[in-house]
C-alpha atoms as a PDB file:
ATOM      1  CA  MET A   1      -0.014   0.083   0.002  1.00  0.00           C
ATOM      2  CA  THR A   2       1.196   3.383  -1.026  1.00  0.00           C
ATOM      3  CA  ASP A   3       0.701   6.652   0.694  1.00  0.00           C
ATOM      4  CA  LEU A   4      -0.901   8.381  -2.495  1.00  0.00           C
ATOM      5  CA  ILE A   5      -4.466   7.868  -1.151  1.00  0.00           C
ATOM      6  CA  LYS A   6      -4.728   9.095   2.228  1.00  0.00           C
ATOM      7  CA  HIS A   7      -6.417   7.231   5.244  1.00  0.00           C
ATOM      8  CA  ASP A   8      -9.367   9.126   5.273  1.00  0.00           C
ATOM      9  CA  PHE A   9     -10.036   9.316   1.632  1.00  0.00           C
ATOM     10  CA  THR A  10     -13.710   8.282   0.520  1.00  0.00           C
ATOM     11  CA  PHE A  11     -14.327   6.052  -2.343  1.00  0.00           C
ATOM     12  CA  THR A  12     -17.513   6.533  -4.228  1.00  0.00           C
ATOM     13  CA  GLN A  13     -19.315   5.278  -7.211  1.00  0.00           C
ATOM     14  CA  SER A  14     -17.751   8.275  -9.111  1.00  0.00           C
ATOM     15  CA  ASN A  15     -14.142   7.895  -8.275  1.00  0.00           C
ATOM     16  CA  LEU A  16     -14.086   4.130  -8.613  1.00  0.00           C
ATOM     17  CA  GLN A  17     -15.890   4.201 -12.069  1.00  0.00           C
ATOM     18  CA  THR A  18     -13.289   6.810 -12.850  1.00  0.00           C
ATOM     19  CA  PHE A  19     -10.679   4.335 -11.984  1.00  0.00           C
ATOM     20  CA  ALA A  20     -11.987   1.495 -14.153  1.00  0.00           C
ATOM     21  CA  TYR A  21     -12.287   4.135 -17.247  1.00  0.00           C
ATOM     22  CA  CYS A  22      -9.130   5.602 -16.783  1.00  0.00           C
ATOM     23  CA  ARG A  23      -6.230   5.030 -14.136  1.00  0.00           C
ATOM     24  CA  HIS A  24      -4.473   8.275 -14.996  1.00  0.00           C
ATOM     25  CA  ARG A  25      -7.827  10.051 -14.943  1.00  0.00           C
ATOM     26  CA  PHE A  26      -8.308   8.985 -11.167  1.00  0.00           C
ATOM     27  CA  PHE A  27      -4.881  10.379 -10.718  1.00  0.00           C
ATOM     28  CA  LEU A  28      -5.261  13.661 -12.124  1.00  0.00           C
ATOM     29  CA  ARG A  29      -8.509  14.150 -10.410  1.00  0.00           C
ATOM     30  CA  TYR A  30      -8.576  12.429  -6.984  1.00  0.00           C
ATOM     31  CA  VAL A  31      -4.651  12.274  -6.210  1.00  0.00           C
ATOM     32  CA  LYS A  32      -3.390  15.370  -7.890  1.00  0.00           C
ATOM     33  CA  ASN A  33      -6.643  17.135  -7.306  1.00  0.00           C
ATOM     34  CA  LEU A  34      -6.256  18.962 -10.959  1.00  0.00           C
ATOM     35  CA  ILE A  35      -9.275  21.160 -11.738  1.00  0.00           C
ATOM     36  CA  TRP A  36     -10.787  20.568 -14.853  1.00  0.00           C
ATOM     37  CA  PRO A  37     -10.144  22.383 -17.761  1.00  0.00           C
ATOM     38  CA  ALA A  38     -13.653  23.539 -18.674  1.00  0.00           C
ATOM     39  CA  ALA A  39     -12.806  25.575 -21.624  1.00  0.00           C
ATOM     40  CA  GLN A  40     -12.198  22.544 -23.580  1.00  0.00           C
ATOM     41  CA  LEU A  41     -15.983  21.460 -23.812  1.00  0.00           C
ATOM     42  CA  SER A  42     -17.146  24.808 -23.534  1.00  0.00           C
ATOM     43  CA  GLY A  43     -20.671  24.936 -24.673  1.00  0.00           C
ATOM     44  CA  SER A  44     -20.752  21.343 -25.931  1.00  0.00           C
ATOM     45  CA  ASN A  45     -23.702  19.238 -25.490  1.00  0.00           C
ATOM     46  CA  HIS A  46     -22.020  17.433 -22.730  1.00  0.00           C
ATOM     47  CA  LEU A  47     -21.802  20.127 -20.645  1.00  0.00           C
ATOM     48  CA  LEU A  48     -25.581  21.565 -21.514  1.00  0.00           C
ATOM     49  CA  ASP A  49     -26.988  18.211 -20.394  1.00  0.00           C
ATOM     50  CA  ARG A  50     -24.918  17.789 -17.376  1.00  0.00           C
ATOM     51  CA  ASP A  51     -25.874  21.169 -15.984  1.00  0.00           C
ATOM     52  CA  ALA A  52     -29.378  20.713 -17.001  1.00  0.00           C
ATOM     53  CA  GLY A  53     -29.588  17.260 -15.118  1.00  0.00           C
ATOM     54  CA  VAL A  54     -28.117  18.772 -12.203  1.00  0.00           C
ATOM     55  CA  ARG A  55     -31.105  21.599 -12.144  1.00  0.00           C
ATOM     56  CA  PHE A  56     -33.520  18.632 -12.442  1.00  0.00           C
ATOM     57  CA  HIS A  57     -32.284  16.717  -9.543  1.00  0.00           C
ATOM     58  CA  GLN A  58     -32.416  19.885  -7.373  1.00  0.00           C
ATOM     59  CA  LEU A  59     -35.781  20.377  -8.511  1.00  0.00           C
ATOM     60  CA  LEU A  60     -36.726  16.831  -7.412  1.00  0.00           C
ATOM     61  CA  HIS A  61     -34.891  17.389  -4.082  1.00  0.00           C
ATOM     62  CA  GLN A  62     -37.243  20.924  -3.346  1.00  0.00           C
ATOM     63  CA  TYR A  63     -40.242  18.528  -4.227  1.00  0.00           C
ATOM     64  CA  PHE A  64     -39.348  15.847  -1.796  1.00  0.00           C
ATOM     65  CA  LEU A  65     -38.834  18.901   0.645  1.00  0.00           C
ATOM     66  CA  GLY A  66     -42.339  19.691   0.360  1.00  0.00           C
ATOM     67  CA  LEU A  67     -41.745  23.207  -1.562  1.00  0.00           C
ATOM     68  CA  ASP A  68     -44.872  24.481  -3.003  1.00  0.00           C
ATOM     69  CA  LEU A  69     -45.771  22.692  -6.140  1.00  0.00           C
ATOM     70  CA  ASP A  70     -47.151  25.925  -8.097  1.00  0.00           C
ATOM     71  CA  HIS A  71     -43.609  27.237  -7.343  1.00  0.00           C
ATOM     72  CA  LEU A  72     -41.539  24.539  -8.666  1.00  0.00           C
ATOM     73  CA  GLN A  73     -43.517  24.122 -11.572  1.00  0.00           C
ATOM     74  CA  THR A  74     -42.854  27.898 -12.532  1.00  0.00           C
ATOM     75  CA  ILE A  75     -39.408  26.971 -12.113  1.00  0.00           C
ATOM     76  CA  ALA A  76     -39.353  24.429 -14.471  1.00  0.00           C
ATOM     77  CA  ALA A  77     -41.377  26.292 -17.153  1.00  0.00           C
ATOM     78  CA  ALA A  78     -38.822  29.012 -16.819  1.00  0.00           C
ATOM     79  CA  ASP A  79     -35.798  26.939 -17.031  1.00  0.00           C
ATOM     80  CA  ARG A  80     -33.464  27.956 -19.785  1.00  0.00           C
ATOM     81  CA  ASP A  81     -33.586  24.231 -21.085  1.00  0.00           C
ATOM     82  CA  GLN A  82     -37.065  23.488 -22.714  1.00  0.00           C
ATOM     83  CA  ARG A  83     -36.549  19.960 -21.385  1.00  0.00           C
ATOM     84  CA  MET A  84     -37.092  20.862 -17.839  1.00  0.00           C
ATOM     85  CA  GLU A  85     -40.921  21.330 -17.893  1.00  0.00           C
ATOM     86  CA  VAL A  86     -41.122  18.032 -19.755  1.00  0.00           C
ATOM     87  CA  TRP A  87     -39.065  16.487 -17.628  1.00  0.00           C
ATOM     88  CA  PHE A  88     -40.980  17.480 -14.401  1.00  0.00           C
ATOM     89  CA  ASP A  89     -44.298  17.009 -15.851  1.00  0.00           C
ATOM     90  CA  ASN A  90     -43.237  13.234 -16.664  1.00  0.00           C
ATOM     91  CA  PHE A  91     -42.189  13.188 -13.213  1.00  0.00           C
ATOM     92  CA  LEU A  92     -45.724  14.348 -11.836  1.00  0.00           C
ATOM     93  CA  SER A  93     -47.382  12.012 -13.747  1.00  0.00           C
ATOM     94  CA  SER A  94     -45.213   9.074 -12.687  1.00  0.00           C
ATOM     95  CA  PRO A  95     -45.905   7.084  -9.528  1.00  0.00           C
ATOM     96  CA  VAL A  96     -42.692   7.966  -8.261  1.00  0.00           C
ATOM     97  CA  CYS A  97     -43.836  11.366  -7.298  1.00  0.00           C
ATOM     98  CA  ARG A  98     -46.459   9.571  -4.874  1.00  0.00           C
ATOM     99  CA  LEU A  99     -44.000   7.295  -3.051  1.00  0.00           C
ATOM    100  CA  GLU A 100     -44.951   6.356   0.707  1.00  0.00           C
ATOM    101  CA  GLY A 101     -43.046   5.422   3.871  1.00  0.00           C
ATOM    102  CA  ARG A 102     -40.035   7.147   5.386  1.00  0.00           C
ATOM    103  CA  LEU A 103     -38.585   9.250   2.348  1.00  0.00           C
ATOM    104  CA  LEU A 104     -34.831  10.909   2.735  1.00  0.00           C
ATOM    105  CA  SER A 105     -34.042  12.928  -0.019  1.00  0.00           C
ATOM    106  CA  GLU A 106     -30.305  13.726  -1.238  1.00  0.00           C
ATOM    107  CA  ALA A 107     -28.994  11.896   1.746  1.00  0.00           C
ATOM    108  CA  SER A 108     -25.212  10.664   2.260  1.00  0.00           C
ATOM    109  CA  PHE A 109     -24.305   7.512   3.926  1.00  0.00           C
ATOM    110  CA  THR A 110     -20.660   6.239   4.388  1.00  0.00           C
ATOM    111  CA  ALA A 111     -19.551   2.341   5.256  1.00  0.00           C
ATOM    112  CA  THR A 112     -16.143   1.049   6.337  1.00  0.00           C
ATOM    113  CA  ILE A 113     -14.777  -1.667   3.918  1.00  0.00           C
ATOM    114  CA  GLU A 114     -11.739  -3.128   5.545  1.00  0.00           C
ATOM    115  CA  GLU A 115     -10.652   0.227   6.835  1.00  0.00           C
ATOM    116  CA  HIS A 116     -11.646   2.196   3.765  1.00  0.00           C
ATOM    117  CA  ASN A 117     -14.262   4.844   3.661  1.00  0.00           C
ATOM    118  CA  LEU A 118     -16.899   3.872   1.221  1.00  0.00           C
ATOM    119  CA  GLY A 119     -19.476   6.740   0.311  1.00  0.00           C
ATOM    120  CA  ALA A 120     -23.087   6.844  -1.314  1.00  0.00           C
ATOM    121  CA  LYS A 121     -25.279  10.088  -1.830  1.00  0.00           C
ATOM    122  CA  VAL A 122     -28.846   8.661  -2.916  1.00  0.00           C
ATOM    123  CA  ASP A 123     -31.232  10.953  -5.005  1.00  0.00           C
ATOM    124  CA  LEU A 124     -34.074   9.288  -2.928  1.00  0.00           C
ATOM    125  CA  LEU A 125     -34.074   6.565  -0.156  1.00  0.00           C
ATOM    126  CA  GLN A 126     -37.362   5.073   0.223  1.00  0.00           C
ATOM    127  CA  ILE A 127     -37.763   2.822   3.500  1.00  0.00           C
ATOM    128  CA  ASP A 128     -41.222   0.931   3.846  1.00  0.00           C
ATOM    129  CA  GLN A 129     -41.797  -1.750   6.444  1.00  0.00           C
ATOM    130  CA  ASP A 130     -41.121  -4.547   4.111  1.00  0.00           C
ATOM    131  CA  PHE A 131     -38.524  -3.079   1.927  1.00  0.00           C
ATOM    132  CA  ILE A 132     -35.782  -0.277   0.919  1.00  0.00           C
ATOM    133  CA  LYS A 133     -35.696   1.301  -2.332  1.00  0.00           C
ATOM    134  CA  ILE A 134     -32.710   3.460  -3.651  1.00  0.00           C
ATOM    135  CA  PHE A 135     -33.966   5.750  -6.528  1.00  0.00           C
ATOM    136  CA  ASP A 136     -31.621   7.604  -8.811  1.00  0.00           C
ATOM    137  CA  TRP A 137     -32.968  10.149 -11.117  1.00  0.00           C
ATOM    138  CA  LYS A 138     -31.471   9.765 -14.762  1.00  0.00           C
ATOM    139  CA  THR A 139     -32.064  12.485 -17.839  1.00  0.00           C
ATOM    140  CA  SER A 140     -30.273  10.181 -20.489  1.00  0.00           C
ATOM    141  CA  ARG A 141     -31.032  10.905 -24.160  1.00  0.00           C
ATOM    142  CA  LYS A 142     -31.116   7.045 -24.543  1.00  0.00           C
ATOM    143  CA  SER A 143     -32.467   4.628 -22.223  1.00  0.00           C
ATOM    144  CA  PRO A 144     -29.614   2.315 -21.085  1.00  0.00           C
ATOM    145  CA  GLY A 145     -30.125  -1.531 -20.526  1.00  0.00           C
ATOM    146  CA  VAL A 146     -30.223  -3.744 -17.825  1.00  0.00           C
ATOM    147  CA  SER A 147     -26.992  -5.327 -18.511  1.00  0.00           C
ATOM    148  CA  GLN A 148     -25.573  -1.947 -18.755  1.00  0.00           C
ATOM    149  CA  LEU A 149     -26.578  -0.417 -15.577  1.00  0.00           C
ATOM    150  CA  LYS A 150     -25.385  -3.849 -13.334  1.00  0.00           C
ATOM    151  CA  SER A 151     -22.045  -3.174 -14.567  1.00  0.00           C
ATOM    152  CA  GLN A 152     -21.972  -0.028 -13.242  1.00  0.00           C
ATOM    153  CA  ALA A 153     -20.001   1.029 -10.104  1.00  0.00           C
ATOM    154  CA  GLN A 154     -23.219   2.906  -8.880  1.00  0.00           C
ATOM    155  CA  SER A 155     -25.238  -0.248  -8.753  1.00  0.00           C
ATOM    156  CA  MET A 156     -23.113  -2.015  -6.381  1.00  0.00           C
ATOM    157  CA  VAL A 157     -21.592   0.871  -4.301  1.00  0.00           C
ATOM    158  CA  TYR A 158     -25.337   2.416  -3.473  1.00  0.00           C
ATOM    159  CA  PRO A 159     -26.885  -1.178  -2.527  1.00  0.00           C
ATOM    160  CA  LEU A 160     -23.933  -2.278  -0.467  1.00  0.00           C
ATOM    161  CA  VAL A 161     -23.734   1.319   1.529  1.00  0.00           C
ATOM    162  CA  ILE A 162     -27.017   1.065   2.313  1.00  0.00           C
ATOM    163  CA  SER A 163     -26.980  -2.478   3.495  1.00  0.00           C
ATOM    164  CA  LYS A 164     -24.522  -1.182   6.064  1.00  0.00           C
ATOM    165  CA  ALA A 165     -26.862   1.446   7.603  1.00  0.00           C
ATOM    166  CA  PHE A 166     -30.241  -0.618   7.161  1.00  0.00           C
ATOM    167  CA  PRO A 167     -30.614  -4.281   7.729  1.00  0.00           C
ATOM    168  CA  PHE A 168     -33.137  -5.520   5.061  1.00  0.00           C
ATOM    169  CA  ASP A 169     -32.538  -8.766   3.233  1.00  0.00           C
ATOM    170  CA  ASN A 170     -33.304  -7.058  -0.245  1.00  0.00           C
ATOM    171  CA  ILE A 171     -32.285  -3.769  -1.614  1.00  0.00           C
ATOM    172  CA  ILE A 172     -33.884  -2.638  -5.161  1.00  0.00           C
ATOM    173  CA  MET A 173     -32.279   0.282  -6.907  1.00  0.00           C
ATOM    174  CA  VAL A 174     -34.399   1.765  -9.108  1.00  0.00           C
ATOM    175  CA  TYR A 175     -33.209   3.775 -12.025  1.00  0.00           C
ATOM    176  CA  TRP A 176     -35.887   6.202 -13.207  1.00  0.00           C
ATOM    177  CA  GLU A 177     -35.495   8.133 -16.309  1.00  0.00           C
ATOM    178  CA  ALA A 178     -37.099  11.717 -17.150  1.00  0.00           C
ATOM    179  CA  ASN A 179     -37.284  10.859 -20.769  1.00  0.00           C
ATOM    180  CA  PHE A 180     -38.380   7.203 -20.374  1.00  0.00           C
ATOM    181  CA  PRO A 181     -40.735   7.565 -17.345  1.00  0.00           C
ATOM    182  CA  ASP A 182     -42.709   4.523 -18.132  1.00  0.00           C
ATOM    183  CA  GLN A 183     -39.566   2.171 -18.386  1.00  0.00           C
ATOM    184  CA  PRO A 184     -37.933   2.156 -14.992  1.00  0.00           C
ATOM    185  CA  ILE A 185     -35.140  -0.181 -14.329  1.00  0.00           C
ATOM    186  CA  GLU A 186     -34.983  -2.104 -10.828  1.00  0.00           C
ATOM    187  CA  ILE A 187     -32.094  -4.117  -9.835  1.00  0.00           C
ATOM    188  CA  THR A 188     -32.656  -6.075  -6.743  1.00  0.00           C
ATOM    189  CA  SER A 189     -29.580  -7.069  -4.403  1.00  0.00           C
ATOM    190  CA  GLN A 190     -30.136  -9.975  -1.939  1.00  0.00           C
ATOM    191  CA  ALA A 191     -27.243 -11.062   0.488  1.00  0.00           C
ATOM    192  CA  GLN A 192     -25.236 -12.811  -1.882  1.00  0.00           C
ATOM    193  CA  ASP A 193     -25.382 -10.035  -4.458  1.00  0.00           C
ATOM    194  CA  LEU A 194     -23.869  -7.684  -1.759  1.00  0.00           C
ATOM    195  CA  GLN A 195     -21.340 -10.215  -0.693  1.00  0.00           C
ATOM    196  CA  ARG A 196     -20.291 -10.365  -4.155  1.00  0.00           C
ATOM    197  CA  TYR A 197     -20.170  -6.539  -4.358  1.00  0.00           C
ATOM    198  CA  GLU A 198     -18.006  -6.191  -1.175  1.00  0.00           C
ATOM    199  CA  GLN A 199     -15.318  -8.499  -2.687  1.00  0.00           C
ATOM    200  CA  LYS A 200     -15.291  -6.868  -5.909  1.00  0.00           C
ATOM    201  CA  ILE A 201     -15.049  -3.449  -4.275  1.00  0.00           C
ATOM    202  CA  THR A 202     -12.681  -4.429  -1.989  1.00  0.00           C
ATOM    203  CA  GLU A 203     -10.281  -6.029  -4.599  1.00  0.00           C
ATOM    204  CA  LEU A 204     -10.607  -3.118  -6.436  1.00  0.00           C
ATOM    205  CA  ILE A 205      -9.884  -0.568  -3.505  1.00  0.00           C
ATOM    206  CA  ASP A 206      -6.679  -2.735  -2.864  1.00  0.00           C
ATOM    207  CA  SER A 207      -5.628  -2.470  -6.402  1.00  0.00           C
ATOM    208  CA  ILE A 208      -6.096   1.239  -6.072  1.00  0.00           C
ATOM    209  CA  THR A 209      -3.996   1.866  -3.034  1.00  0.00           C
ATOM    210  CA  SER A 210      -1.305  -0.515  -3.913  1.00  0.00           C
ATOM    211  CA  LEU A 211      -0.286   1.584  -6.734  1.00  0.00           C
ATOM    212  CA  ALA A 212       2.867   3.923  -7.161  1.00  0.00           C
ATOM    213  CA  ALA A 213       2.158   7.089  -9.191  1.00  0.00           C
ATOM    214  CA  GLU A 214       3.566   5.848 -12.677  1.00  0.00           C
ATOM    215  CA  GLU A 215       1.299   2.934 -12.338  1.00  0.00           C
ATOM    216  CA  PHE A 216      -1.705   5.172 -12.822  1.00  0.00           C
ATOM    217  CA  VAL A 217      -1.456   4.502 -16.634  1.00  0.00           C
ATOM    218  CA  ARG A 218      -3.167   6.392 -19.359  1.00  0.00           C
ATOM    219  CA  VAL A 219      -6.181   4.499 -21.068  1.00  0.00           C
ATOM    220  CA  SER A 220      -4.794   2.524 -24.023  1.00  0.00           C
ATOM    221  CA  GLU A 221      -7.719   3.323 -26.315  1.00  0.00           C
ATOM    222  CA  ILE A 222      -7.356   6.830 -27.211  1.00  0.00           C
ATOM    223  CA  SER A 223     -10.584   7.031 -28.555  1.00  0.00           C
ATOM    224  CA  LYS A 224     -11.869   7.609 -25.224  1.00  0.00           C
ATOM    225  CA  CYS A 225      -9.632  10.475 -24.470  1.00  0.00           C
ATOM    226  CA  SER A 226     -12.304  12.560 -26.836  1.00  0.00           C
ATOM    227  CA  ARG A 227     -14.939  12.301 -23.994  1.00  0.00           C
ATOM    228  CA  CYS A 228     -12.542  13.407 -21.142  1.00  0.00           C
ATOM    229  CA  GLU A 229     -11.972  17.034 -19.739  1.00  0.00           C
ATOM    230  CA  PHE A 230      -8.565  15.968 -18.593  1.00  0.00           C
ATOM    231  CA  ALA A 231      -7.430  15.220 -21.771  1.00  0.00           C
ATOM    232  CA  THR A 232      -5.050  18.559 -21.994  1.00  0.00           C
ATOM    233  CA  TYR A 233      -3.420  17.223 -19.438  1.00  0.00           C
ATOM    234  CA  CYS A 234      -2.182  14.067 -21.088  1.00  0.00           C
ATOM    235  CA  GLY A 235      -1.345  16.003 -24.324  1.00  0.00           C
ATOM    236  CA  ARG A 236      -4.187  14.300 -26.361  1.00  0.00           C
ATOM    237  CA  ALA A 237      -6.474  16.661 -26.681  1.00  0.00           C
ATOM    238  CA  ASP A 238      -5.291  17.840 -30.056  1.00  0.00           C
ATOM    239  CA  LYS A 239      -5.527  14.251 -31.619  1.00  0.00           C
ATOM    240  CA  ASN A 240      -8.999  14.186 -30.786  1.00  0.00           C
ATOM    241  CA  ALA A 241     -10.067  17.415 -31.667  1.00  0.00           C
ATOM    242  CA  GLU A 242     -11.969  16.180 -34.709  1.00  0.00           C
ATOM    243  CA  ALA A 243     -13.572  13.502 -32.418  1.00  0.00           C
ATOM    244  CA  LYS A 244     -14.996  16.007 -30.361  1.00  0.00           C
ATOM    245  CA  LEU A 245     -16.903  17.962 -32.638  1.00  0.00           C
ATOM    246  CA  THR A 246     -18.796  14.895 -33.498  1.00  0.00           C
ATOM    247  CA  LEU A 247     -19.327  13.332 -30.400  1.00  0.00           C
ATOM    248  CA  GLU A 248     -22.730  12.755 -29.183  1.00  0.00           C
ATOM    249  CA  PRO A 249     -24.268  12.935 -25.700  1.00  0.00           C
ATOM    250  CA  ASP A 250     -24.894   9.736 -25.634  1.00  0.00           C
ATOM    251  CA  ASP A 251     -21.439   8.732 -25.627  1.00  0.00           C
ATOM    252  CA  TYR A 252     -21.033  10.262 -22.255  1.00  0.00           C
ATOM    253  CA  GLU A 253     -24.127   8.049 -20.767  1.00  0.00           C
ATOM    254  CA  GLU A 254     -21.587   4.546 -20.229  1.00  0.00           C
ATOM    255  CA  LEU A 255     -19.774   6.646 -17.898  1.00  0.00           C
ATOM    256  CA  ARG A 256     -21.697   9.425 -16.452  1.00  0.00           C
ATOM    257  CA  ILE A 257     -19.406  11.049 -14.088  1.00  0.00           C
ATOM    258  CA  VAL A 258     -19.907  14.701 -12.928  1.00  0.00           C
ATOM    259  CA  PRO A 259     -17.907  16.676 -10.509  1.00  0.00           C
ATOM    260  CA  GLU A 260     -19.129  15.149  -6.806  1.00  0.00           C
ATOM    261  CA  GLU A 261     -19.088  18.595  -5.688  1.00  0.00           C
ATOM    262  CA  TRP A 262     -22.452  19.227  -8.139  1.00  0.00           C
ATOM    263  CA  LEU A 263     -23.605  15.429  -8.333  1.00  0.00           C
ATOM    264  CA  ASP A 264     -22.398  12.223  -6.806  1.00  0.00           C
ATOM    265  CA  SER A 265     -24.220  10.755  -9.511  1.00  0.00           C
ATOM    266  CA  SER A 266     -22.433   6.872 -13.651  1.00  0.00           C
ATOM    267  CA  GLY A 267     -18.697  -0.297 -15.868  1.00  0.00           C
ATOM    268  CA  LEU A 268     -16.482  -2.062 -13.549  1.00  0.00           C
ATOM    269  CA  VAL A 269     -14.026  -4.628 -15.442  1.00  0.00           C
END
């Protein structure tokens, strides 16, 4: 174990997903703590989608806090992104706006996995007498498949962390897409699944903490660099300028990493 990763470092689905995508990206973002060169993607569809998604999460958080519905609808209608009003209307027409039981919005939890901190900030936690559900709001342009979501760090980290806080046999992860409100995806994790998650995440964390600085190598597929805000630090930005011009927002859905200070929002190999 090296001293690059501090003892009080908190692993999350975001930074674990980053490491799985590119070790050097993890090194730049979480070890060197470099700031994103935002100008590189200024005005891109990716940034517009990301910022709209953040505002939508804030809107739903205010809804579950009990703020006046008429006021929230006015905010949605006045948003600079016309999709916001549609998304919020879709939400209000969906059963997810009428959930019962104990509801915790934007709740943060931390568990200890072999002396390492593992954190999760859930969009909404529903605690009922017989079950517990973790809701995650998405604003994807294309609905992801179940297999794709199951491979994501989020689908393992969130149920595992919640299982440490609440003694439920089954934990259900619900991905609700604002663009596909009638197609929620549910992933149920039972005891054996949670054990598998813990083993896999522990192995990944052990791998990360054992690496020396030079072992945080750049991803071999240079095409992935066209989706990376840190490409300028690697000297790969110019090589992918043309790719950036043609990159579709859907290409970012396989990673779905945004800064944790905005949204601790999404495969592990």
